[in-house]
């Protein structure tokens, strides 16, 4: 009997063990916001048994040991270890933190763990890109990455942003002029290289942020050298989303926002404007007293009798309006609320080695004036199939159709300029086309608000990436990928009969139609090696052969004189006056051979060597090819034995790199060649047409070359709750391409060549901290700071200074975007009238410094006043999480930017027109207000439009709620998130215009800065 019991016990134990061996454990993995985390790794500790979570964050895994432990990990999150307690289901929430060093960073033609980086690379995840619900990628990263300066060029919907990485290497940028940087990014030669899924790309504005998986920014020359001639201005690598194996999952995200003008400039209301006119006329009359040595006094100023009828006329009821206090709020009447909506529907899944992903996106963004708006459709699809153990094939395709309507280029300016004392409608309700009898320049904005002036751009972009990968062994793989890009753009502009351009004159009606068609492709062949030389040494190598082809065609036509507005820009042939027509063709190619070697010793000493050999069709025949090398070393000091017992130290790594990269972007496709151009000839008494040589060839034209040294430190303490990144760099660009001014005796104005040199050096700091962390509450902070100093080292030969435009100068020792003008030292006061008269000036005007003490003002008295680029930039994001709620506040700043404000020049009290139109309410000088910041109205001089454009902006305040698992189970959903974002709610600046970011732009085609209150819904099934 005892033996039977013993046998039964043994049998039951064995049965129990065998039963446990067949146990299946399931669960759900959530991120720090309690949203499902697809693609997380779930491994039984100590084994190779592992699975990946599906799109709902769910997993199922078989365990064979009742004491088993599960390791759950995901890029950017702390790895969590779960001890099985006999339950069949587990919910695991990961936290951002220590495992951030295990992020996979894309470095071009490959990727590495962040902990193994040797160069300066910053990575932005999909969650960061989409968390603020921004409409484009540039807005999403503004203030998020140290050393990356993102600046708005226009506040109209769909406008592109300027992005600079570590300053400007281009001495004479084609978009530099009296108005600062234009909003035509195609002419910005300092912009970085954009690579989208392996495709060289120009306009990332057309991408849907919801489609982005990751963005990696290569900043130093060691990191960018793999792109050789394309990487001198930095590289932005964008990876779109791929599928994840598991059941097919659908997700839907929608936003609804209300957009309104914010930071509205303070213009005079009706009564204030009447007072302003009185001061302008009084100021003009008082200045006239300064004759034959007589100097005006305060009493004289106050005693002047002002005849307001000079400005306020009876013919249009203006004087009657003033008498009875009837005013028109032109700006307020034409500002409106814009609606912003977006919808994104995505699906993802896969099985048996096949993964797929697809999405459809739609954005409609209305402006706050007239017919301004932006509409975009996005379609993406990807499929990858592991055909065999050795072959994998895949294709990605992305399509974007966008339409941007800028509306009237004068509407914003006209509504601010028109005096509040004039009428928009006559007593019978008819529109008054010219509201101000004194000034026929300004038409009633009523018609332009309705669409009489339209500026419309429609673009179709198609990109794709087809690849085949062959992996014959575990340590070697070959990949060939072909990536085409097609862009078709149509631009149309129509200025109808009742616009300011036509002013009710049919002969002045304009119609413009431009069309461009661009095709390009990149074909890469890549061989990767990855093997262990020994137990302590690993070697990775990448060999690359690449070809880039780019062809573009362009045509445009302009006609005028229409008998009807019915055709808009669609029928230019109806215009009787043909003003312009032309076509254009351009082709360029780039061939490259590159290699990269990564050598790892003891996982502590990391070496990277890169070289790229590039040939460009744009350069001279014997100078097309150049080699660009780089080398980098990193030391993981925290892995050394003498630091292993330092409990507070989590990570310490030192990095040092040197690299060279090239640039041929400052030249067009045929700049090294001479061209023929049209010319007139006179043979005897006969006039005829012919051709002549239109420019000089340069058979020595070759690459700009940037040489950069970078030193970096990565530090993590207290279990990586505090992470610090420090970068110090110095980049010198030699053989800089610019245009040399030639003597008139040569018969040519200029010639392109490698004449200059420029330097950028600076510091970047990134700090991420987890300030508070409890079971229910977490507070984390991300902060970045960057300072860059730019200076010209060499111009053309012995030339050390060259002026351009109205405010620009290129000068050795100064920044490439220096502002050049007269320096002021206060305002002339009444008791300085005699001294001011020496310079032909009067009290109330700026006291310009006579730099050479010559007694006159001339070009020799102009000096460097500042620079357009900021002294430093920074950003900070604070995120608070309490249970299912989260709150984030993002701030960014640009400090020390200085420039000539075109807005001030058009809207400040000096306009020389007896105050015919409205003005900014500014603290200007009068004899009764001698301590004013700005000079006297009307006769004040034009040397006071230079302004400090520094600002601090609250970019976003976001509140989110993630539904609990119980709610999700009842609704049969995988996730549900509700959000409320207030975008761009506050701006702190001393600048009085609508936006310090766009202050350099001409007020022509300008718009208001806007605030958007955005509601969001995101669900997945």
Foldseek 3Di string as FASTA:
>chain_A
DVVVVVVVVVVVVVVVLVVLQAAKAKEAEAEPLRAGDFQKWKDWPPDPFIDTAAPLRMDMGGHRDQQIKIWIDDAQWDIDIGGHDPDRYDYHYTYGFLNNQQHWADLDPDTDRNVQDQADKDKDFLCQQPVQPDFFNLLSCDQPDWQWHWFFQFQFPLQDIAIFGQDFFFQDQQQQFQLGGHSPCVRGQLGAFEAEPNWTDDDRSLDGSNFWGMKMKGHFQQSQCQVFARGPRTYIYTYGDWFDADDKWKKKKKKKWKKFFPLAFFWDFQVRLLVLLQQLQLVVVQVVQPPPNDFGAPVSSVPDDDDCCVQQPPVQCLVVCSVVVQWAQLQVVFFAMKMKMKMKMKMWHHDDQKIKIKMWMWIWTADGGAGWIKIKIKIKMKMKGPPDPFKIWMKIKIKMKMKTKLFALCSNVLSFWARGSWDQADPVRHGDQQRGPVDLLHGRCPVSSHRLKIKMKIKMKMKMKIKMKGDPDPFKIKMKIKMKMKMKMKIKIWHHCSHSQNSNPQQRTKIKIKIKIKIKMKIKIKMWGWDAPDPFKIKIKMKMKMKIKMKMKMKMWMAGRAPDCVCGNPCRVRGPGTDDIDMDIAIKMKIKIKMKMWMGGNVFKIKIKIKMWMAILQFAPVARIDMKIKMKIKGFPCPDPVNVPVQFWDTKMKMKMKIKHWYDSVGGRHQQDWDKDKDWDQDPNDIDIDIDTQADHHNPAHIWMKIKIKIKMWTATDSRQKIKIKIWMKIKIFLRWDWAADDVVVVYGTGITRAWMKMKTWMKMWIKHFPDDDPFKTKIKIKMKIFMAMFTQTGHDPDAKDAHHDFAMHGGGHHSQWGKDWDFDAFAASVCQVVQVLAPDGGQATHTDPPVPPSYDDSVRMDGDAGQAARMKMKMKMWMGGHSKIKMWIKIKGFRGKRFFLVCQSADQADQPSSNTMHRDAQGDDSVRRPGPHGRGHPYDPRPRMDGLIKMWGAKIKMKGKDDPVVCVVVVFSTKMKMKMKGGPDMDDPDSHQHSSNRSRHSRSHDHNMIMIMIMIMTMD
